[in-house]
């Protein structure tokens, strides 16, 4: 089953390849702008299509994007935990 999913993703990537693409380093440089645009209601995918395309093709960058998006949304809603709370949750310490 996993091989089938990998094959489908590979075929998808072949057919969605563009003449101009960005690599992971370039995505990293543009990611915070992309996330800020999304959180503020702007059409980030339309305005930065190369970022959206890279996120669709790169699972590692997509995971980073999801994490950053969640943090920015929590911060925008004033629900971001304090550093001490985060450390306790991550490390399990008092």
PDB file of N, CA and C in Angstrom:
ATOM      1  N   UNK A   1       0.829  -1.198   0.000  1.00  0.00           N
ATOM      2  CA  UNK A   1       0.000   0.000   0.000  1.00  0.00           C
ATOM      3  C   UNK A   1       0.868   1.254   0.000  1.00  0.00           C
ATOM      4  N   UNK A   2       1.936   1.248   0.804  1.00  0.00           N
ATOM      5  CA  UNK A   2       2.808   2.410   0.875  1.00  0.00           C
ATOM      6  C   UNK A   2       3.468   2.676  -0.476  1.00  0.00           C
ATOM      7  N   UNK A   3       3.853   1.620  -1.169  1.00  0.00           N
ATOM      8  CA  UNK A   3       4.482   1.795  -2.472  1.00  0.00           C
ATOM      9  C   UNK A   3       3.516   2.463  -3.446  1.00  0.00           C
ATOM     10  N   UNK A   4       2.259   2.108  -3.370  1.00  0.00           N
ATOM     11  CA  UNK A   4       1.253   2.703  -4.251  1.00  0.00           C
ATOM     12  C   UNK A   4       1.128   4.203  -3.973  1.00  0.00           C
ATOM     13  N   UNK A   5       1.105   4.581  -2.694  1.00  0.00           N
ATOM     14  CA  UNK A   5       1.008   5.995  -2.325  1.00  0.00           C
ATOM     15  C   UNK A   5       2.242   6.767  -2.789  1.00  0.00           C
ATOM     16  N   UNK A   6       3.404   6.173  -2.614  1.00  0.00           N
ATOM     17  CA  UNK A   6       4.638   6.823  -3.064  1.00  0.00           C
ATOM     18  C   UNK A   6       4.625   6.999  -4.582  1.00  0.00           C
ATOM     19  N   UNK A   7       4.157   5.988  -5.286  1.00  0.00           N
ATOM     20  CA  UNK A   7       4.087   6.062  -6.740  1.00  0.00           C
ATOM     21  C   UNK A   7       3.116   7.157  -7.181  1.00  0.00           C
ATOM     22  N   UNK A   8       1.957   7.230  -6.535  1.00  0.00           N
ATOM     23  CA  UNK A   8       0.980   8.266  -6.867  1.00  0.00           C
ATOM     24  C   UNK A   8       1.556   9.655  -6.628  1.00  0.00           C
ATOM     25  N   UNK A   9       2.283   9.825  -5.521  1.00  0.00           N
ATOM     26  CA  UNK A   9       2.895  11.118  -5.211  1.00  0.00           C
ATOM     27  C   UNK A   9       3.965  11.460  -6.244  1.00  0.00           C
ATOM     28  N   UNK A  10       4.733  10.475  -6.630  1.00  0.00           N
ATOM     29  CA  UNK A  10       5.784  10.668  -7.621  1.00  0.00           C
ATOM     30  C   UNK A  10       5.177  11.110  -8.955  1.00  0.00           C
ATOM     31  N   UNK A  11       4.131  10.438  -9.397  1.00  0.00           N
ATOM     32  CA  UNK A  11       3.447  10.801 -10.646  1.00  0.00           C
ATOM     33  C   UNK A  11       2.867  12.210 -10.532  1.00  0.00           C
ATOM     34  N   UNK A  12       2.248  12.505  -9.397  1.00  0.00           N
ATOM     35  CA  UNK A  12       1.696  13.847  -9.179  1.00  0.00           C
ATOM     36  C   UNK A  12       2.795  14.899  -9.307  1.00  0.00           C
ATOM     37  N   UNK A  13       3.932  14.652  -8.684  1.00  0.00           N
ATOM     38  CA  UNK A  13       5.038  15.605  -8.738  1.00  0.00           C
ATOM     39  C   UNK A  13       5.552  15.804 -10.155  1.00  0.00           C
ATOM     40  N   UNK A  14       5.589  14.746 -10.927  1.00  0.00           N
ATOM     41  CA  UNK A  14       6.042  14.869 -12.317  1.00  0.00           C
ATOM     42  C   UNK A  14       5.111  15.791 -13.100  1.00  0.00           C
ATOM     43  N   UNK A  15       3.822  15.591 -12.941  1.00  0.00           N
ATOM     44  CA  UNK A  15       2.866  16.360 -13.731  1.00  0.00           C
ATOM     45  C   UNK A  15       2.613  17.768 -13.202  1.00  0.00           C
ATOM     46  N   UNK A  16       3.044  18.053 -11.994  1.00  0.00           N
ATOM     47  CA  UNK A  16       2.854  19.404 -11.464  1.00  0.00           C
ATOM     48  C   UNK A  16       4.152  20.206 -11.441  1.00  0.00           C
ATOM     49  N   UNK A  17       5.215  19.632 -11.962  1.00  0.00           N
ATOM     50  CA  UNK A  17       6.495  20.339 -12.018  1.00  0.00           C
ATOM     51  C   UNK A  17       6.359  21.564 -12.918  1.00  0.00           C
ATOM     52  N   UNK A  18       6.906  22.659 -12.453  1.00  0.00           N
ATOM     53  CA  UNK A  18       6.849  23.923 -13.188  1.00  0.00           C
ATOM     54  C   UNK A  18       8.233  24.274 -13.725  1.00  0.00           C
ATOM     55  N   UNK A  19       8.265  25.214 -14.663  1.00  0.00           N
ATOM     56  CA  UNK A  19       9.548  25.669 -15.194  1.00  0.00           C
ATOM     57  C   UNK A  19      10.378  26.354 -14.115  1.00  0.00           C
ATOM     58  N   UNK A  20       9.708  27.081 -13.241  1.00  0.00           N
ATOM     59  CA  UNK A  20      10.392  27.761 -12.148  1.00  0.00           C
ATOM     60  C   UNK A  20       9.881  27.200 -10.834  1.00  0.00           C
ATOM     61  N   UNK A  21      10.792  26.673 -10.047  1.00  0.00           N
ATOM     62  CA  UNK A  21      10.442  26.122  -8.746  1.00  0.00           C
ATOM     63  C   UNK A  21      11.420  26.647  -7.712  1.00  0.00           C
ATOM     64  N   UNK A  22      11.041  26.510  -6.448  1.00  0.00           N
ATOM     65  CA  UNK A  22      11.944  26.904  -5.375  1.00  0.00           C
ATOM     66  C   UNK A  22      12.388  25.656  -4.626  1.00  0.00           C
ATOM     67  N   UNK A  23      13.553  25.753  -4.006  1.00  0.00           N
ATOM     68  CA  UNK A  23      14.038  24.633  -3.206  1.00  0.00           C
ATOM     69  C   UNK A  23      13.672  24.869  -1.739  1.00  0.00           C
ATOM     70  N   UNK A  24      14.047  23.936  -0.891  1.00  0.00           N
ATOM     71  CA  UNK A  24      13.687  24.022   0.530  1.00  0.00           C
ATOM     72  C   UNK A  24      14.261  25.277   1.192  1.00  0.00           C
ATOM     73  N   UNK A  25      15.464  25.661   0.823  1.00  0.00           N
ATOM     74  CA  UNK A  25      16.068  26.862   1.391  1.00  0.00           C
ATOM     75  C   UNK A  25      15.298  28.117   1.018  1.00  0.00           C
ATOM     76  N   UNK A  26      14.886  28.198  -0.229  1.00  0.00           N
ATOM     77  CA  UNK A  26      14.106  29.352  -0.676  1.00  0.00           C
ATOM     78  C   UNK A  26      12.731  29.357  -0.019  1.00  0.00           C
ATOM     79  N   UNK A  27      12.158  28.175   0.155  1.00  0.00           N
ATOM     80  CA  UNK A  27      10.871  28.097   0.844  1.00  0.00           C
ATOM     81  C   UNK A  27      11.014  28.608   2.271  1.00  0.00           C
ATOM     82  N   UNK A  28      12.068  28.179   2.940  1.00  0.00           N
ATOM     83  CA  UNK A  28      12.290  28.591   4.320  1.00  0.00           C
ATOM     84  C   UNK A  28      12.332  30.114   4.431  1.00  0.00           C
ATOM     85  N   UNK A  29      12.950  30.769   3.454  1.00  0.00           N
ATOM     86  CA  UNK A  29      13.037  32.233   3.460  1.00  0.00           C
ATOM     87  C   UNK A  29      11.677  32.897   3.266  1.00  0.00           C
ATOM     88  N   UNK A  30      10.780  32.257   2.529  1.00  0.00           N
ATOM     89  CA  UNK A  30       9.479  32.856   2.213  1.00  0.00           C
ATOM     90  C   UNK A  30       8.344  32.361   3.104  1.00  0.00           C
ATOM     91  N   UNK A  31       8.610  31.356   3.922  1.00  0.00           N
ATOM     92  CA  UNK A  31       7.530  30.698   4.658  1.00  0.00           C
ATOM     93  C   UNK A  31       6.821  31.609   5.652  1.00  0.00           C
ATOM     94  N   UNK A  32       7.554  32.404   6.401  1.00  0.00           N
ATOM     95  CA  UNK A  32       6.885  33.255   7.394  1.00  0.00           C
ATOM     96  C   UNK A  32       5.982  34.280   6.705  1.00  0.00           C
ATOM     97  N   UNK A  33       6.421  34.806   5.574  1.00  0.00           N
ATOM     98  CA  UNK A  33       5.581  35.745   4.822  1.00  0.00           C
ATOM     99  C   UNK A  33       4.308  35.041   4.340  1.00  0.00           C
ATOM    100  N   UNK A  34       4.461  33.836   3.836  1.00  0.00           N
ATOM    101  CA  UNK A  34       3.326  33.057   3.339  1.00  0.00           C
ATOM    102  C   UNK A  34       2.317  32.799   4.461  1.00  0.00           C
ATOM    103  N   UNK A  35       2.809  32.368   5.610  1.00  0.00           N
ATOM    104  CA  UNK A  35       1.937  32.080   6.755  1.00  0.00           C
ATOM    105  C   UNK A  35       1.250  33.354   7.241  1.00  0.00           C
ATOM    106  N   UNK A  36       1.995  34.439   7.351  1.00  0.00           N
ATOM    107  CA  UNK A  36       1.394  35.708   7.782  1.00  0.00           C
ATOM    108  C   UNK A  36       0.282  36.138   6.834  1.00  0.00           C
ATOM    109  N   UNK A  37       0.504  35.951   5.545  1.00  0.00           N
ATOM    110  CA  UNK A  37      -0.523  36.302   4.561  1.00  0.00           C
ATOM    111  C   UNK A  37      -1.770  35.449   4.760  1.00  0.00           C
ATOM    112  N   UNK A  38      -1.574  34.164   4.960  1.00  0.00           N
ATOM    113  CA  UNK A  38      -2.724  33.273   5.161  1.00  0.00           C
ATOM    114  C   UNK A  38      -3.510  33.649   6.411  1.00  0.00           C
ATOM    115  N   UNK A  39      -2.808  33.885   7.498  1.00  0.00           N
ATOM    116  CA  UNK A  39      -3.472  34.202   8.766  1.00  0.00           C
ATOM    117  C   UNK A  39      -4.227  35.525   8.666  1.00  0.00           C
ATOM    118  N   UNK A  40      -3.698  36.456   7.885  1.00  0.00           N
ATOM    119  CA  UNK A  40      -4.359  37.755   7.750  1.00  0.00           C
ATOM    120  C   UNK A  40      -5.444  37.752   6.671  1.00  0.00           C
ATOM    121  N   UNK A  41      -5.709  36.594   6.071  1.00  0.00           N
ATOM    122  CA  UNK A  41      -6.802  36.476   5.118  1.00  0.00           C
ATOM    123  C   UNK A  41      -6.439  36.797   3.677  1.00  0.00           C
ATOM    124  N   UNK A  42      -5.171  37.009   3.403  1.00  0.00           N
ATOM    125  CA  UNK A  42      -4.752  37.276   2.024  1.00  0.00           C
ATOM    126  C   UNK A  42      -4.634  35.955   1.274  1.00  0.00           C
ATOM    127  N   UNK A  43      -4.680  36.041  -0.035  1.00  0.00           N
ATOM    128  CA  UNK A  43      -4.605  34.850  -0.879  1.00  0.00           C
ATOM    129  C   UNK A  43      -3.145  34.464  -1.108  1.00  0.00           C
ATOM    130  N   UNK A  44      -2.551  33.870  -0.097  1.00  0.00           N
ATOM    131  CA  UNK A  44      -1.127  33.534  -0.139  1.00  0.00           C
ATOM    132  C   UNK A  44      -0.798  32.599  -1.301  1.00  0.00           C
ATOM    133  N   UNK A  45      -1.632  31.604  -1.535  1.00  0.00           N
ATOM    134  CA  UNK A  45      -1.360  30.639  -2.605  1.00  0.00           C
ATOM    135  C   UNK A  45      -1.364  31.311  -3.977  1.00  0.00           C
ATOM    136  N   UNK A  46      -2.221  32.296  -4.152  1.00  0.00           N
ATOM    137  CA  UNK A  46      -2.272  33.004  -5.431  1.00  0.00           C
ATOM    138  C   UNK A  46      -1.109  33.983  -5.557  1.00  0.00           C
ATOM    139  N   UNK A  47      -0.770  34.639  -4.457  1.00  0.00           N
ATOM    140  CA  UNK A  47       0.287  35.649  -4.488  1.00  0.00           C
ATOM    141  C   UNK A  47       1.692  35.040  -4.481  1.00  0.00           C
ATOM    142  N   UNK A  48       1.830  33.881  -3.871  1.00  0.00           N
ATOM    143  CA  UNK A  48       3.127  33.189  -3.815  1.00  0.00           C
ATOM    144  C   UNK A  48       2.955  31.741  -4.290  1.00  0.00           C
ATOM    145  N   UNK A  49       2.645  31.555  -5.573  1.00  0.00           N
ATOM    146  CA  UNK A  49       2.341  30.204  -6.067  1.00  0.00           C
ATOM    147  C   UNK A  49       3.506  29.228  -5.964  1.00  0.00           C
ATOM    148  N   UNK A  50       4.728  29.724  -6.035  1.00  0.00           N
ATOM    149  CA  UNK A  50       5.876  28.822  -5.935  1.00  0.00           C
ATOM    150  C   UNK A  50       5.980  28.207  -4.539  1.00  0.00           C
ATOM    151  N   UNK A  51       5.595  28.976  -3.538  1.00  0.00           N
ATOM    152  CA  UNK A  51       5.602  28.451  -2.172  1.00  0.00           C
ATOM    153  C   UNK A  51       4.556  27.350  -2.047  1.00  0.00           C
ATOM    154  N   UNK A  52       3.348  27.614  -2.511  1.00  0.00           N
ATOM    155  CA  UNK A  52       2.268  26.620  -2.442  1.00  0.00           C
ATOM    156  C   UNK A  52       2.671  25.342  -3.176  1.00  0.00           C
ATOM    157  N   UNK A  53       3.257  25.495  -4.350  1.00  0.00           N
ATOM    158  CA  UNK A  53       3.649  24.318  -5.123  1.00  0.00           C
ATOM    159  C   UNK A  53       4.693  23.494  -4.370  1.00  0.00           C
ATOM    160  N   UNK A  54       5.674  24.164  -3.797  1.00  0.00           N
ATOM    161  CA  UNK A  54       6.708  23.438  -3.055  1.00  0.00           C
ATOM    162  C   UNK A  54       6.091  22.699  -1.865  1.00  0.00           C
ATOM    163  N   UNK A  55       5.179  23.343  -1.171  1.00  0.00           N
ATOM    164  CA  UNK A  55       4.531  22.704  -0.025  1.00  0.00           C
ATOM    165  C   UNK A  55       3.738  21.469  -0.443  1.00  0.00           C
ATOM    166  N   UNK A  56       3.168  21.496  -1.625  1.00  0.00           N
ATOM    167  CA  UNK A  56       2.409  20.347  -2.118  1.00  0.00           C
ATOM    168  C   UNK A  56       3.322  19.189  -2.494  1.00  0.00           C
ATOM    169  N   UNK A  57       4.578  19.487  -2.790  1.00  0.00           N
ATOM    170  CA  UNK A  57       5.490  18.446  -3.254  1.00  0.00           C
ATOM    171  C   UNK A  57       6.497  17.982  -2.207  1.00  0.00           C
ATOM    172  N   UNK A  58       6.651  18.715  -1.124  1.00  0.00           N
ATOM    173  CA  UNK A  58       7.699  18.393  -0.155  1.00  0.00           C
ATOM    174  C   UNK A  58       7.088  18.141   1.227  1.00  0.00           C
ATOM    175  N   UNK A  59       6.980  16.890   1.640  1.00  0.00           N
ATOM    176  CA  UNK A  59       6.357  16.581   2.930  1.00  0.00           C
ATOM    177  C   UNK A  59       7.078  17.212   4.126  1.00  0.00           C
ATOM    178  N   UNK A  60       8.388  17.299   4.067  1.00  0.00           N
ATOM    179  CA  UNK A  60       9.134  17.883   5.184  1.00  0.00           C
ATOM    180  C   UNK A  60       8.802  19.365   5.346  1.00  0.00           C
ATOM    181  N   UNK A  61       8.776  20.087   4.243  1.00  0.00           N
ATOM    182  CA  UNK A  61       8.445  21.514   4.308  1.00  0.00           C
ATOM    183  C   UNK A  61       6.972  21.716   4.661  1.00  0.00           C
ATOM    184  N   UNK A  62       6.114  20.829   4.195  1.00  0.00           N
ATOM    185  CA  UNK A  62       4.694  20.921   4.533  1.00  0.00           C
ATOM    186  C   UNK A  62       4.488  20.741   6.034  1.00  0.00           C
ATOM    187  N   UNK A  63       5.266  19.864   6.638  1.00  0.00           N
ATOM    188  CA  UNK A  63       5.180  19.661   8.089  1.00  0.00           C
ATOM    189  C   UNK A  63       5.639  20.916   8.837  1.00  0.00           C
ATOM    190  N   UNK A  64       6.719  21.512   8.379  1.00  0.00           N
ATOM    191  CA  UNK A  64       7.210  22.755   8.977  1.00  0.00           C
ATOM    192  C   UNK A  64       6.167  23.865   8.832  1.00  0.00           C
ATOM    193  N   UNK A  65       5.573  23.952   7.660  1.00  0.00           N
ATOM    194  CA  UNK A  65       4.525  24.943   7.395  1.00  0.00           C
ATOM    195  C   UNK A  65       3.354  24.774   8.363  1.00  0.00           C
ATOM    196  N   UNK A  66       2.890  23.541   8.540  1.00  0.00           N
ATOM    197  CA  UNK A  66       1.759  23.290   9.433  1.00  0.00           C
ATOM    198  C   UNK A  66       2.082  23.707  10.865  1.00  0.00           C
ATOM    199  N   UNK A  67       3.291  23.413  11.307  1.00  0.00           N
ATOM    200  CA  UNK A  67       3.696  23.783  12.666  1.00  0.00           C
ATOM    201  C   UNK A  67       3.747  25.299  12.821  1.00  0.00           C
ATOM    202  N   UNK A  68       4.357  25.976  11.859  1.00  0.00           N
ATOM    203  CA  UNK A  68       4.449  27.438  11.931  1.00  0.00           C
ATOM    204  C   UNK A  68       3.067  28.074  11.853  1.00  0.00           C
ATOM    205  N   UNK A  69       2.220  27.559  10.991  1.00  0.00           N
ATOM    206  CA  UNK A  69       0.861  28.084  10.859  1.00  0.00           C
ATOM    207  C   UNK A  69       0.104  27.963  12.182  1.00  0.00           C
ATOM    208  N   UNK A  70       0.240  26.832  12.843  1.00  0.00           N
ATOM    209  CA  UNK A  70      -0.435  26.633  14.130  1.00  0.00           C
ATOM    210  C   UNK A  70       0.077  27.616  15.178  1.00  0.00           C
ATOM    211  N   UNK A  71       1.375  27.820  15.224  1.00  0.00           N
ATOM    212  CA  UNK A  71       1.957  28.757  16.191  1.00  0.00           C
ATOM    213  C   UNK A  71       1.464  30.175  15.930  1.00  0.00           C
ATOM    214  N   UNK A  72       1.463  30.583  14.677  1.00  0.00           N
ATOM    215  CA  UNK A  72       1.031  31.944  14.336  1.00  0.00           C
ATOM    216  C   UNK A  72      -0.453  32.126  14.637  1.00  0.00           C
ATOM    217  N   UNK A  73      -1.255  31.113  14.361  1.00  0.00           N
ATOM    218  CA  UNK A  73      -2.689  31.208  14.680  1.00  0.00           C
ATOM    219  C   UNK A  73      -2.917  31.305  16.184  1.00  0.00           C
ATOM    220  N   UNK A  74      -2.205  30.492  16.948  1.00  0.00           N
ATOM    221  CA  UNK A  74      -2.330  30.570  18.408  1.00  0.00           C
ATOM    222  C   UNK A  74      -1.916  31.946  18.913  1.00  0.00           C
ATOM    223  N   UNK A  75      -0.846  32.466  18.352  1.00  0.00           N
ATOM    224  CA  UNK A  75      -0.377  33.792  18.757  1.00  0.00           C
ATOM    225  C   UNK A  75      -1.397  34.867  18.391  1.00  0.00           C
ATOM    226  N   UNK A  76      -1.989  34.768  17.214  1.00  0.00           N
ATOM    227  CA  UNK A  76      -2.989  35.747  16.776  1.00  0.00           C
ATOM    228  C   UNK A  76      -4.225  35.719  17.669  1.00  0.00           C
ATOM    229  N   UNK A  77      -4.531  34.548  18.203  1.00  0.00           N
ATOM    230  CA  UNK A  77      -5.688  34.395  19.094  1.00  0.00           C
ATOM    231  C   UNK A  77      -5.305  34.592  20.556  1.00  0.00           C
ATOM    232  N   UNK A  78      -4.078  34.993  20.790  1.00  0.00           N
ATOM    233  CA  UNK A  78      -3.543  35.200  22.142  1.00  0.00           C
ATOM    234  C   UNK A  78      -3.688  33.938  22.989  1.00  0.00           C
ATOM    235  N   UNK A  79      -3.442  32.792  22.354  1.00  0.00           N
ATOM    236  CA  UNK A  79      -3.532  31.511  23.054  1.00  0.00           C
ATOM    237  C   UNK A  79      -2.195  30.778  23.076  1.00  0.00           C
ATOM    238  N   UNK A  80      -1.132  31.459  22.693  1.00  0.00           N
ATOM    239  CA  UNK A  80       0.184  30.829  22.683  1.00  0.00           C
ATOM    240  C   UNK A  80       0.658  30.645  24.117  1.00  0.00           C
ATOM    241  N   UNK A  81       1.006  29.419  24.496  1.00  0.00           N
ATOM    242  CA  UNK A  81       1.451  29.182  25.872  1.00  0.00           C
ATOM    243  C   UNK A  81       2.746  29.933  26.186  1.00  0.00           C
ATOM    244  N   UNK A  82       2.951  30.199  27.456  1.00  0.00           N
ATOM    245  CA  UNK A  82       4.194  30.820  27.908  1.00  0.00           C
ATOM    246  C   UNK A  82       5.342  29.827  27.713  1.00  0.00           C
ATOM    247  N   UNK A  83       6.545  30.343  27.635  1.00  0.00           N
ATOM    248  CA  UNK A  83       7.723  29.506  27.413  1.00  0.00           C
ATOM    249  C   UNK A  83       7.836  28.421  28.480  1.00  0.00           C
ATOM    250  N   UNK A  84       7.601  28.776  29.737  1.00  0.00           N
ATOM    251  CA  UNK A  84       7.692  27.790  30.817  1.00  0.00           C
ATOM    252  C   UNK A  84       6.694  26.651  30.614  1.00  0.00           C
ATOM    253  N   UNK A  85       5.489  26.990  30.179  1.00  0.00           N
ATOM    254  CA  UNK A  85       4.474  25.969  29.928  1.00  0.00           C
ATOM    255  C   UNK A  85       4.893  25.056  28.784  1.00  0.00           C
ATOM    256  N   UNK A  86       5.462  25.650  27.745  1.00  0.00           N
ATOM    257  CA  UNK A  86       5.929  24.853  26.610  1.00  0.00           C
ATOM    258  C   UNK A  86       7.047  23.908  27.032  1.00  0.00           C
ATOM    259  N   UNK A  87       7.989  24.420  27.786  1.00  0.00           N
ATOM    260  CA  UNK A  87       9.107  23.594  28.236  1.00  0.00           C
ATOM    261  C   UNK A  87       8.608  22.434  29.096  1.00  0.00           C
ATOM    262  N   UNK A  88       7.658  22.717  29.957  1.00  0.00           N
ATOM    263  CA  UNK A  88       7.106  21.665  30.808  1.00  0.00           C
ATOM    264  C   UNK A  88       6.390  20.614  29.964  1.00  0.00           C
ATOM    265  N   UNK A  89       5.633  21.071  28.980  1.00  0.00           N
ATOM    266  CA  UNK A  89       4.911  20.140  28.114  1.00  0.00           C
ATOM    267  C   UNK A  89       5.878  19.295  27.281  1.00  0.00           C
ATOM    268  N   UNK A  90       6.944  19.918  26.814  1.00  0.00           N
ATOM    269  CA  UNK A  90       7.907  19.208  25.969  1.00  0.00           C
ATOM    270  C   UNK A  90       8.794  18.288  26.791  1.00  0.00           C
ATOM    271  N   UNK A  91       9.306  18.809  27.887  1.00  0.00           N
ATOM    272  CA  UNK A  91      10.279  18.060  28.681  1.00  0.00           C
ATOM    273  C   UNK A  91       9.657  17.287  29.835  1.00  0.00           C
ATOM    274  N   UNK A  92       8.419  17.628  30.188  1.00  0.00           N
ATOM    275  CA  UNK A  92       7.758  16.951  31.291  1.00  0.00           C
ATOM    276  C   UNK A  92       8.350  17.288  32.640  1.00  0.00           C
ATOM    277  N   UNK A  93       8.845  18.508  32.767  1.00  0.00           N
ATOM    278  CA  UNK A  93       9.460  18.942  34.030  1.00  0.00           C
ATOM    279  C   UNK A  93       8.607  20.007  34.694  1.00  0.00           C
ATOM    280  N   UNK A  94       8.890  20.213  35.965  1.00  0.00           N
ATOM    281  CA  UNK A  94       8.226  21.294  36.711  1.00  0.00           C
ATOM    282  C   UNK A  94       9.027  22.562  36.611  1.00  0.00           C
TER     283      UNK A  94
END
